[in-house]
Amino acid sequence: MRSSSNPVFRNLPRQEGVGGYANFGSGVTGAGQFGNQYGQQPQQQPYQPAPATRAMTIDDVVTKTGITLGVLTLSAIISYGLTNANTSLAPLFVIVGGLVGLVLVLIATFANKMDNPAIVLSYAVAEGLFLGALSFMFTDVEFGGVGGSALIAQAVLGTFGVFAGMLVVYKTGAVRVTPRFTRMILGALIGVAVLALGNLIASFFISGGLGLRDGGALAIVFSLVCIAIAAFSFLLDFDAADQLIRAQAPEKAAWGVALGLTVTLVWLYVEILRLLSYFNND
């Protein structure tokens, strides 16, 4: 499988030598020993999954992703309502939700727990808390209520519009996911992350930092670049999910696909909302 820009997809475990996916996110002790034994005795019959285990399908991906986004949306609505009633909660929800979401993604990625529905849905709750409060801050506090619910609706429509558009691009093969394309996206992601971190550090010493988030012309260009990178990242995510289905990954692996797609969707929504807020901040 080609590497993905999304860390959740990039760390999906593979069964070496067979091309399939085994023990996806199970963390079962001795799984590696089983793989070595299997490689040393090729004359044995290939391992057959238990009858209760079936291969992942596109329906599983759609269902699990829909559930995850539904939980995230409900959490975001509740978060927005609470911050609207008490504006002092907004920074708390943004910080707590963002940090908890980040920690859960790291646990899912590095502990091979991408198929754990509890972790995936907990991430959805945390990110909903983060997005609801952040949306309120952008539209009603930080930018003086310039857009309100209309601005949020535009950001949501823009996010899913980009998602649908990139899905069409992937399905039609208009842009092919090649190793070179993957390296380009990964390089762009690293560059954006370094710039964002540099801007954050500079903001501690200079008002507005490097100007990447102050609403000026440079900030608009930077947001457009981030949106473009996030959009093309969907192609890598779709390809990684497609490879999992072709490799007959276990059905529970669909939770990992849902998590990976949600991570990209959250990033895209934040960047679109930020960009729209620049144009409405008159």
C-alpha atoms as a PDB file:
ATOM      1  CA  MET A   1       0.000   0.000   0.000  1.00  0.00           C
ATOM      2  CA  ARG A   2       1.148   3.489  -0.753  1.00  0.00           C
ATOM      3  CA  SER A   3       1.784   5.661   2.261  1.00  0.00           C
ATOM      4  CA  SER A   4      -0.983   8.113   3.165  1.00  0.00           C
ATOM      5  CA  SER A   5      -0.743  11.675   4.400  1.00  0.00           C
ATOM      6  CA  ASN A   6      -3.100  10.637   7.168  1.00  0.00           C
ATOM      7  CA  PRO A   7      -1.202   9.025  10.086  1.00  0.00           C
ATOM      8  CA  VAL A   8      -4.128   6.757  10.845  1.00  0.00           C
ATOM      9  CA  PHE A   9      -3.964   5.161   7.394  1.00  0.00           C
ATOM     10  CA  ARG A  10      -0.175   5.294   7.189  1.00  0.00           C
ATOM     11  CA  ASN A  11       0.280   2.982  10.189  1.00  0.00           C
ATOM     12  CA  LEU A  12      -2.174   0.269   9.236  1.00  0.00           C
ATOM     13  CA  PRO A  13      -0.432  -3.069   9.943  1.00  0.00           C
ATOM     14  CA  ARG A  14       0.135  -5.462   7.074  1.00  0.00           C
ATOM     15  CA  GLN A  15       0.653  -9.201   7.006  1.00  0.00           C
ATOM     16  CA  GLU A  16       4.060  -9.460   5.365  1.00  0.00           C
ATOM     17  CA  GLY A  17       4.498 -11.903   2.527  1.00  0.00           C
ATOM     18  CA  VAL A  18       0.804 -12.434   1.965  1.00  0.00           C
ATOM     19  CA  GLY A  19      -0.403  -8.979   1.007  1.00  0.00           C
ATOM     20  CA  GLY A  20      -3.384  -9.095   3.312  1.00  0.00           C
ATOM     21  CA  TYR A  21      -4.085  -7.525   6.679  1.00  0.00           C
ATOM     22  CA  ALA A  22      -3.962  -9.585   9.818  1.00  0.00           C
ATOM     23  CA  ASN A  23      -4.709  -8.787  13.484  1.00  0.00           C
ATOM     24  CA  PHE A  24      -5.768  -5.269  12.514  1.00  0.00           C
ATOM     25  CA  GLY A  25      -5.577  -3.174  15.669  1.00  0.00           C
ATOM     26  CA  SER A  26      -6.019  -6.219  17.888  1.00  0.00           C
ATOM     27  CA  GLY A  27      -2.775  -5.883  19.812  1.00  0.00           C
ATOM     28  CA  VAL A  28      -2.856  -9.621  20.501  1.00  0.00           C
ATOM     29  CA  THR A  29       0.274 -10.884  22.204  1.00  0.00           C
ATOM     30  CA  GLY A  30       2.124 -13.403  20.051  1.00  0.00           C
ATOM     31  CA  ALA A  31       0.711 -12.216  16.736  1.00  0.00           C
ATOM     32  CA  GLY A  32       4.213 -11.624  15.411  1.00  0.00           C
ATOM     33  CA  GLN A  33       5.275 -15.090  16.502  1.00  0.00           C
ATOM     34  CA  PHE A  34       2.374 -16.553  14.546  1.00  0.00           C
ATOM     35  CA  GLY A  35       3.483 -14.647  11.457  1.00  0.00           C
ATOM     36  CA  ASN A  36       7.037 -16.015  11.763  1.00  0.00           C
ATOM     37  CA  GLN A  37       5.758 -19.513  12.187  1.00  0.00           C
ATOM     38  CA  TYR A  38       3.536 -19.150   9.148  1.00  0.00           C
ATOM     39  CA  GLY A  39       6.474 -17.942   7.084  1.00  0.00           C
ATOM     40  CA  GLN A  40       8.642 -20.902   8.148  1.00  0.00           C
ATOM     41  CA  GLN A  41       6.043 -23.517   7.190  1.00  0.00           C
ATOM     42  CA  PRO A  42       4.701 -22.571   3.748  1.00  0.00           C
ATOM     43  CA  GLN A  43       3.443 -26.080   3.185  1.00  0.00           C
ATOM     44  CA  GLN A  44       0.680 -25.558   5.740  1.00  0.00           C
ATOM     45  CA  GLN A  45      -2.777 -24.431   4.666  1.00  0.00           C
ATOM     46  CA  PRO A  46      -3.214 -20.641   4.744  1.00  0.00           C
ATOM     47  CA  TYR A  47      -4.785 -19.271   7.869  1.00  0.00           C
ATOM     48  CA  GLN A  48      -8.574 -19.122   7.574  1.00  0.00           C
ATOM     49  CA  PRO A  49     -10.400 -16.439   9.589  1.00  0.00           C
ATOM     50  CA  ALA A  50     -12.998 -17.450  12.118  1.00  0.00           C
ATOM     51  CA  PRO A  51     -16.513 -17.790  10.731  1.00  0.00           C
ATOM     52  CA  ALA A  52     -17.607 -14.687  12.676  1.00  0.00           C
ATOM     53  CA  THR A  53     -15.000 -12.563  10.895  1.00  0.00           C
ATOM     54  CA  ARG A  54     -15.749 -11.218   7.446  1.00  0.00           C
ATOM     55  CA  ALA A  55     -13.929  -8.948   5.046  1.00  0.00           C
ATOM     56  CA  MET A  56     -14.525  -5.211   5.071  1.00  0.00           C
ATOM     57  CA  THR A  57     -16.795  -3.775   2.382  1.00  0.00           C
ATOM     58  CA  ILE A  58     -17.558  -0.283   1.142  1.00  0.00           C
ATOM     59  CA  ASP A  59     -20.878  -0.473   3.005  1.00  0.00           C
ATOM     60  CA  ASP A  60     -18.956  -0.936   6.253  1.00  0.00           C
ATOM     61  CA  VAL A  61     -16.869   2.148   5.490  1.00  0.00           C
ATOM     62  CA  VAL A  62     -19.950   4.257   4.711  1.00  0.00           C
ATOM     63  CA  THR A  63     -21.814   3.053   7.802  1.00  0.00           C
ATOM     64  CA  LYS A  64     -18.954   3.517  10.265  1.00  0.00           C
ATOM     65  CA  THR A  65     -18.018   6.896   8.817  1.00  0.00           C
ATOM     66  CA  GLY A  66     -21.642   8.012   8.982  1.00  0.00           C
ATOM     67  CA  ILE A  67     -21.910   6.967  12.636  1.00  0.00           C
ATOM     68  CA  THR A  68     -18.667   8.752  13.507  1.00  0.00           C
ATOM     69  CA  LEU A  69     -19.700  11.973  11.781  1.00  0.00           C
ATOM     70  CA  GLY A  70     -23.150  11.766  13.367  1.00  0.00           C
ATOM     71  CA  VAL A  71     -21.645  11.578  16.856  1.00  0.00           C
ATOM     72  CA  LEU A  72     -19.250  14.420  16.016  1.00  0.00           C
ATOM     73  CA  THR A  73     -22.103  16.592  14.721  1.00  0.00           C
ATOM     74  CA  LEU A  74     -24.257  16.008  17.802  1.00  0.00           C
ATOM     75  CA  SER A  75     -21.327  16.797  20.087  1.00  0.00           C
ATOM     76  CA  ALA A  76     -20.565  19.972  18.107  1.00  0.00           C
ATOM     77  CA  ILE A  77     -24.190  21.168  18.337  1.00  0.00           C
ATOM     78  CA  ILE A  78     -24.214  20.631  22.106  1.00  0.00           C
ATOM     79  CA  SER A  79     -20.839  22.369  22.439  1.00  0.00           C
ATOM     80  CA  TYR A  80     -22.025  25.348  20.388  1.00  0.00           C
ATOM     81  CA  GLY A  81     -25.182  25.644  22.468  1.00  0.00           C
ATOM     82  CA  LEU A  82     -23.283  25.548  25.751  1.00  0.00           C
ATOM     83  CA  THR A  83     -20.744  28.138  24.633  1.00  0.00           C
ATOM     84  CA  ASN A  84     -23.528  30.340  23.326  1.00  0.00           C
ATOM     85  CA  ALA A  85     -25.116  30.244  26.790  1.00  0.00           C
ATOM     86  CA  ASN A  86     -21.795  30.747  28.573  1.00  0.00           C
ATOM     87  CA  THR A  87     -19.031  32.250  26.424  1.00  0.00           C
ATOM     88  CA  SER A  88     -16.381  31.569  29.058  1.00  0.00           C
ATOM     89  CA  LEU A  89     -16.633  27.855  28.216  1.00  0.00           C
ATOM     90  CA  ALA A  90     -15.430  28.361  24.647  1.00  0.00           C
ATOM     91  CA  PRO A  91     -11.641  28.434  25.300  1.00  0.00           C
ATOM     92  CA  LEU A  92     -11.956  25.499  27.708  1.00  0.00           C
ATOM     93  CA  PHE A  93     -13.842  23.357  25.192  1.00  0.00           C
ATOM     94  CA  VAL A  94     -11.403  24.240  22.414  1.00  0.00           C
ATOM     95  CA  ILE A  95      -8.343  23.334  24.483  1.00  0.00           C
ATOM     96  CA  VAL A  96      -9.755  20.201  26.123  1.00  0.00           C
ATOM     97  CA  GLY A  97     -11.472  18.909  23.003  1.00  0.00           C
ATOM     98  CA  GLY A  98      -8.446  19.539  20.810  1.00  0.00           C
ATOM     99  CA  LEU A  99      -5.959  17.932  23.193  1.00  0.00           C
ATOM    100  CA  VAL A 100      -8.139  14.899  23.944  1.00  0.00           C
ATOM    101  CA  GLY A 101      -8.765  14.390  20.225  1.00  0.00           C
ATOM    102  CA  LEU A 102      -5.040  14.563  19.499  1.00  0.00           C
ATOM    103  CA  VAL A 103      -4.203  12.087  22.257  1.00  0.00           C
ATOM    104  CA  LEU A 104      -6.848   9.632  21.039  1.00  0.00           C
ATOM    105  CA  VAL A 105      -5.513   9.793  17.474  1.00  0.00           C
ATOM    106  CA  LEU A 106      -1.985   9.137  18.744  1.00  0.00           C
ATOM    107  CA  ILE A 107      -3.193   6.182  20.821  1.00  0.00           C
ATOM    108  CA  ALA A 108      -5.162   4.757  17.893  1.00  0.00           C
ATOM    109  CA  THR A 109      -2.203   5.182  15.546  1.00  0.00           C
ATOM    110  CA  PHE A 110       0.766   4.021  17.581  1.00  0.00           C
ATOM    111  CA  ALA A 111      -1.024   1.413  19.710  1.00  0.00           C
ATOM    112  CA  ASN A 112      -2.721  -0.149  16.655  1.00  0.00           C
ATOM    113  CA  LYS A 113      -6.201   0.573  18.011  1.00  0.00           C
ATOM    114  CA  MET A 114      -7.633   2.106  14.842  1.00  0.00           C
ATOM    115  CA  ASP A 115     -10.407  -0.501  14.755  1.00  0.00           C
ATOM    116  CA  ASN A 116     -11.558   0.225  18.308  1.00  0.00           C
ATOM    117  CA  PRO A 117     -15.020   1.827  18.078  1.00  0.00           C
ATOM    118  CA  ALA A 118     -14.754   3.232  21.617  1.00  0.00           C
ATOM    119  CA  ILE A 119     -11.635   5.207  20.688  1.00  0.00           C
ATOM    120  CA  VAL A 120     -13.069   6.345  17.361  1.00  0.00           C
ATOM    121  CA  LEU A 121     -16.362   7.524  18.855  1.00  0.00           C
ATOM    122  CA  SER A 122     -14.575   9.139  21.809  1.00  0.00           C
ATOM    123  CA  TYR A 123     -12.496  11.057  19.279  1.00  0.00           C
ATOM    124  CA  ALA A 124     -15.709  12.147  17.561  1.00  0.00           C
ATOM    125  CA  VAL A 125     -17.100  13.453  20.868  1.00  0.00           C
ATOM    126  CA  ALA A 126     -13.868  15.324  21.668  1.00  0.00           C
ATOM    127  CA  GLU A 127     -13.589  16.856  18.204  1.00  0.00           C
ATOM    128  CA  GLY A 128     -17.248  17.824  18.296  1.00  0.00           C
ATOM    129  CA  LEU A 129     -16.585  19.645  21.543  1.00  0.00           C
ATOM    130  CA  PHE A 130     -13.622  21.362  19.894  1.00  0.00           C
ATOM    131  CA  LEU A 131     -15.399  22.271  16.645  1.00  0.00           C
ATOM    132  CA  GLY A 132     -18.558  23.562  18.302  1.00  0.00           C
ATOM    133  CA  ALA A 133     -16.646  25.940  20.554  1.00  0.00           C
ATOM    134  CA  LEU A 134     -14.213  26.959  17.816  1.00  0.00           C
ATOM    135  CA  SER A 135     -17.063  27.700  15.435  1.00  0.00           C
ATOM    136  CA  PHE A 136     -18.662  29.902  18.069  1.00  0.00           C
ATOM    137  CA  MET A 137     -15.409  31.761  18.663  1.00  0.00           C
ATOM    138  CA  PHE A 138     -14.869  32.382  14.942  1.00  0.00           C
ATOM    139  CA  THR A 139     -18.391  33.570  14.240  1.00  0.00           C
ATOM    140  CA  ASP A 140     -19.542  35.256  17.451  1.00  0.00           C
ATOM    141  CA  VAL A 141     -16.541  36.217  19.543  1.00  0.00           C
ATOM    142  CA  GLU A 142     -13.237  36.436  17.721  1.00  0.00           C
ATOM    143  CA  PHE A 143     -14.762  38.023  14.621  1.00  0.00           C
ATOM    144  CA  GLY A 144     -17.608  39.942  16.259  1.00  0.00           C
ATOM    145  CA  GLY A 145     -20.480  37.769  15.075  1.00  0.00           C
ATOM    146  CA  VAL A 146     -19.804  38.565  11.418  1.00  0.00           C
ATOM    147  CA  GLY A 147     -21.183  35.331   9.998  1.00  0.00           C
ATOM    148  CA  GLY A 148     -23.003  33.443  12.703  1.00  0.00           C
ATOM    149  CA  SER A 149     -24.849  30.272  11.744  1.00  0.00           C
ATOM    150  CA  ALA A 150     -24.768  31.210   8.045  1.00  0.00           C
ATOM    151  CA  LEU A 151     -20.975  31.165   8.050  1.00  0.00           C
ATOM    152  CA  ILE A 152     -20.923  27.768   9.748  1.00  0.00           C
ATOM    153  CA  ALA A 153     -23.423  26.399   7.224  1.00  0.00           C
ATOM    154  CA  GLN A 154     -21.235  27.655   4.389  1.00  0.00           C
ATOM    155  CA  ALA A 155     -18.181  25.966   5.916  1.00  0.00           C
ATOM    156  CA  VAL A 156     -20.044  22.668   6.325  1.00  0.00           C
ATOM    157  CA  LEU A 157     -21.335  22.754   2.746  1.00  0.00           C
ATOM    158  CA  GLY A 158     -17.884  23.678   1.484  1.00  0.00           C
ATOM    159  CA  THR A 159     -16.282  20.820   3.412  1.00  0.00           C
ATOM    160  CA  PHE A 160     -18.604  18.142   2.085  1.00  0.00           C
ATOM    161  CA  GLY A 161     -18.536  19.716  -1.354  1.00  0.00           C
ATOM    162  CA  VAL A 162     -14.766  19.320  -1.465  1.00  0.00           C
ATOM    163  CA  PHE A 163     -15.078  15.772  -0.096  1.00  0.00           C
ATOM    164  CA  ALA A 164     -17.605  14.800  -2.771  1.00  0.00           C
ATOM    165  CA  GLY A 165     -15.584  16.466  -5.491  1.00  0.00           C
ATOM    166  CA  MET A 166     -12.375  14.650  -4.552  1.00  0.00           C
ATOM    167  CA  LEU A 167     -14.285  11.359  -4.389  1.00  0.00           C
ATOM    168  CA  VAL A 168     -15.397  11.917  -7.986  1.00  0.00           C
ATOM    169  CA  VAL A 169     -11.832  12.812  -8.953  1.00  0.00           C
ATOM    170  CA  TYR A 170     -10.576   9.585  -7.383  1.00  0.00           C
ATOM    171  CA  LYS A 171     -13.260   7.371  -8.893  1.00  0.00           C
ATOM    172  CA  THR A 172     -12.789   8.779 -12.385  1.00  0.00           C
ATOM    173  CA  GLY A 173      -9.009   8.532 -12.154  1.00  0.00           C
ATOM    174  CA  ALA A 174      -8.591  12.195 -13.104  1.00  0.00           C
ATOM    175  CA  VAL A 175      -5.689  12.326 -10.633  1.00  0.00           C
ATOM    176  CA  ARG A 176      -3.834   9.077 -10.064  1.00  0.00           C
ATOM    177  CA  VAL A 177      -2.377   8.266  -6.672  1.00  0.00           C
ATOM    178  CA  THR A 178       1.232   7.390  -7.421  1.00  0.00           C
ATOM    179  CA  PRO A 179       4.280   7.173  -5.137  1.00  0.00           C
ATOM    180  CA  ARG A 180       5.470  10.516  -6.510  1.00  0.00           C
ATOM    181  CA  PHE A 181       2.096  12.149  -5.841  1.00  0.00           C
ATOM    182  CA  THR A 182       2.131  10.739  -2.314  1.00  0.00           C
ATOM    183  CA  ARG A 183       5.610  12.140  -1.630  1.00  0.00           C
ATOM    184  CA  MET A 184       4.523  15.547  -2.888  1.00  0.00           C
ATOM    185  CA  ILE A 185       1.524  15.664  -0.546  1.00  0.00           C
ATOM    186  CA  LEU A 186       3.564  14.439   2.408  1.00  0.00           C
ATOM    187  CA  GLY A 187       6.213  17.068   1.704  1.00  0.00           C
ATOM    188  CA  ALA A 188       3.557  19.778   1.477  1.00  0.00           C
ATOM    189  CA  LEU A 189       2.050  18.639   4.770  1.00  0.00           C
ATOM    190  CA  ILE A 190       5.397  18.827   6.509  1.00  0.00           C
ATOM    191  CA  GLY A 191       6.014  22.276   5.082  1.00  0.00           C
ATOM    192  CA  VAL A 192       2.617  23.562   6.236  1.00  0.00           C
ATOM    193  CA  ALA A 193       3.111  22.088   9.702  1.00  0.00           C
ATOM    194  CA  VAL A 194       6.531  23.739  10.041  1.00  0.00           C
ATOM    195  CA  LEU A 195       5.142  27.109   8.925  1.00  0.00           C
ATOM    196  CA  ALA A 196       2.181  26.873  11.292  1.00  0.00           C
ATOM    197  CA  LEU A 197       4.459  25.977  14.197  1.00  0.00           C
ATOM    198  CA  GLY A 198       6.825  28.807  13.306  1.00  0.00           C
ATOM    199  CA  ASN A 199       3.913  31.246  13.158  1.00  0.00           C
ATOM    200  CA  LEU A 200       2.712  30.086  16.581  1.00  0.00           C
ATOM    201  CA  ILE A 201       6.145  30.529  18.138  1.00  0.00           C
ATOM    202  CA  ALA A 202       6.594  33.945  16.486  1.00  0.00           C
ATOM    203  CA  SER A 203       3.210  35.080  17.824  1.00  0.00           C
ATOM    204  CA  PHE A 204       4.628  34.868  21.339  1.00  0.00           C
ATOM    205  CA  PHE A 205       7.114  37.607  20.481  1.00  0.00           C
ATOM    206  CA  ILE A 206       5.521  39.503  17.584  1.00  0.00           C
ATOM    207  CA  SER A 207       1.913  40.599  17.294  1.00  0.00           C
ATOM    208  CA  GLY A 208       0.325  38.477  14.570  1.00  0.00           C
ATOM    209  CA  GLY A 209       3.338  36.200  14.312  1.00  0.00           C
ATOM    210  CA  LEU A 210       4.439  35.704  10.710  1.00  0.00           C
ATOM    211  CA  GLY A 211       1.101  36.918   9.419  1.00  0.00           C
ATOM    212  CA  LEU A 212      -0.210  33.456   8.539  1.00  0.00           C
ATOM    213  CA  ARG A 213      -3.324  33.743  10.707  1.00  0.00           C
ATOM    214  CA  ASP A 214      -4.012  37.468  11.031  1.00  0.00           C
ATOM    215  CA  GLY A 215      -6.617  37.709   8.267  1.00  0.00           C
ATOM    216  CA  GLY A 216      -4.379  39.560   5.827  1.00  0.00           C
ATOM    217  CA  ALA A 217      -3.471  38.645   2.247  1.00  0.00           C
ATOM    218  CA  LEU A 218      -0.758  36.225   3.359  1.00  0.00           C
ATOM    219  CA  ALA A 219      -3.168  34.515   5.759  1.00  0.00           C
ATOM    220  CA  ILE A 220      -5.716  34.056   2.952  1.00  0.00           C
ATOM    221  CA  VAL A 221      -3.086  32.495   0.697  1.00  0.00           C
ATOM    222  CA  PHE A 222      -1.921  30.201   3.500  1.00  0.00           C
ATOM    223  CA  SER A 223      -5.485  29.033   4.190  1.00  0.00           C
ATOM    224  CA  LEU A 224      -6.041  28.349   0.485  1.00  0.00           C
ATOM    225  CA  VAL A 225      -2.872  26.260   0.406  1.00  0.00           C
ATOM    226  CA  CYS A 226      -3.991  24.303   3.481  1.00  0.00           C
ATOM    227  CA  ILE A 227      -7.409  23.679   1.922  1.00  0.00           C
ATOM    228  CA  ALA A 228      -5.795  22.422  -1.290  1.00  0.00           C
ATOM    229  CA  ILE A 229      -3.482  20.063   0.606  1.00  0.00           C
ATOM    230  CA  ALA A 230      -6.350  18.740   2.719  1.00  0.00           C
ATOM    231  CA  ALA A 231      -8.425  18.177  -0.418  1.00  0.00           C
ATOM    232  CA  PHE A 232      -5.690  16.209  -2.185  1.00  0.00           C
ATOM    233  CA  SER A 233      -5.075  14.263   1.017  1.00  0.00           C
ATOM    234  CA  PHE A 234      -8.513  12.736   0.500  1.00  0.00           C
ATOM    235  CA  LEU A 235      -7.170  11.010  -2.608  1.00  0.00           C
ATOM    236  CA  LEU A 236      -4.513   9.285  -0.523  1.00  0.00           C
ATOM    237  CA  ASP A 237      -7.108   8.355   2.098  1.00  0.00           C
ATOM    238  CA  PHE A 238      -9.478   6.916  -0.523  1.00  0.00           C
ATOM    239  CA  ASP A 239      -6.626   4.918  -2.028  1.00  0.00           C
ATOM    240  CA  ALA A 240      -5.601   3.550   1.366  1.00  0.00           C
ATOM    241  CA  ALA A 241      -9.193   2.532   2.129  1.00  0.00           C
ATOM    242  CA  ASP A 242      -9.515   0.946  -1.313  1.00  0.00           C
ATOM    243  CA  GLN A 243      -6.366  -1.059  -0.720  1.00  0.00           C
ATOM    244  CA  LEU A 244      -7.764  -2.318   2.590  1.00  0.00           C
ATOM    245  CA  ILE A 245     -10.936  -3.521   0.903  1.00  0.00           C
ATOM    246  CA  ARG A 246      -8.965  -5.229  -1.868  1.00  0.00           C
ATOM    247  CA  ALA A 247      -6.758  -6.917   0.742  1.00  0.00           C
ATOM    248  CA  GLN A 248      -9.882  -8.193   2.535  1.00  0.00           C
ATOM    249  CA  ALA A 249      -9.085  -6.498   5.810  1.00  0.00           C
ATOM    250  CA  PRO A 250     -11.353  -7.479   8.727  1.00  0.00           C
ATOM    251  CA  GLU A 251     -14.717  -5.762   8.944  1.00  0.00           C
ATOM    252  CA  LYS A 252     -13.658  -3.855  12.076  1.00  0.00           C
ATOM    253  CA  ALA A 253     -10.977  -2.084  10.037  1.00  0.00           C
ATOM    254  CA  ALA A 254     -13.758   0.163   8.732  1.00  0.00           C
ATOM    255  CA  TRP A 255     -13.597   2.019  12.051  1.00  0.00           C
ATOM    256  CA  GLY A 256      -9.997   2.942  11.252  1.00  0.00           C
ATOM    257  CA  VAL A 257     -11.035   4.218   7.825  1.00  0.00           C
ATOM    258  CA  ALA A 258     -13.785   6.269   9.463  1.00  0.00           C
ATOM    259  CA  LEU A 259     -11.281   7.751  11.897  1.00  0.00           C
ATOM    260  CA  GLY A 260      -8.827   8.652   9.149  1.00  0.00           C
ATOM    261  CA  LEU A 261     -11.461  10.315   6.980  1.00  0.00           C
ATOM    262  CA  THR A 262     -12.850  12.223   9.956  1.00  0.00           C
ATOM    263  CA  VAL A 263      -9.406  13.595  10.848  1.00  0.00           C
ATOM    264  CA  THR A 264      -9.053  15.031   7.336  1.00  0.00           C
ATOM    265  CA  LEU A 265     -12.625  16.353   7.312  1.00  0.00           C
ATOM    266  CA  VAL A 266     -12.087  18.165  10.611  1.00  0.00           C
ATOM    267  CA  TRP A 267      -8.922  19.834   9.334  1.00  0.00           C
ATOM    268  CA  LEU A 268     -10.627  20.857   6.088  1.00  0.00           C
ATOM    269  CA  TYR A 269     -13.646  22.309   7.913  1.00  0.00           C
ATOM    270  CA  VAL A 270     -11.472  24.393  10.233  1.00  0.00           C
ATOM    271  CA  GLU A 271      -9.481  25.820   7.319  1.00  0.00           C
ATOM    272  CA  ILE A 272     -12.598  26.645   5.282  1.00  0.00           C
ATOM    273  CA  LEU A 273     -14.278  28.265   8.293  1.00  0.00           C
ATOM    274  CA  ARG A 274     -11.146  30.292   8.977  1.00  0.00           C
ATOM    275  CA  LEU A 275     -10.948  31.439   5.355  1.00  0.00           C
ATOM    276  CA  LEU A 276     -14.618  32.451   5.269  1.00  0.00           C
ATOM    277  CA  SER A 277     -14.186  34.376   8.500  1.00  0.00           C
ATOM    278  CA  TYR A 278     -11.387  36.422   6.892  1.00  0.00           C
ATOM    279  CA  PHE A 279     -13.686  37.591   4.129  1.00  0.00           C
ATOM    280  CA  ASN A 280     -16.474  38.423   6.598  1.00  0.00           C
ATOM    281  CA  ASN A 281     -14.259  40.281   9.052  1.00  0.00           C
ATOM    282  CA  ASP A 282     -14.938  43.797   7.806  1.00  0.00           C
END
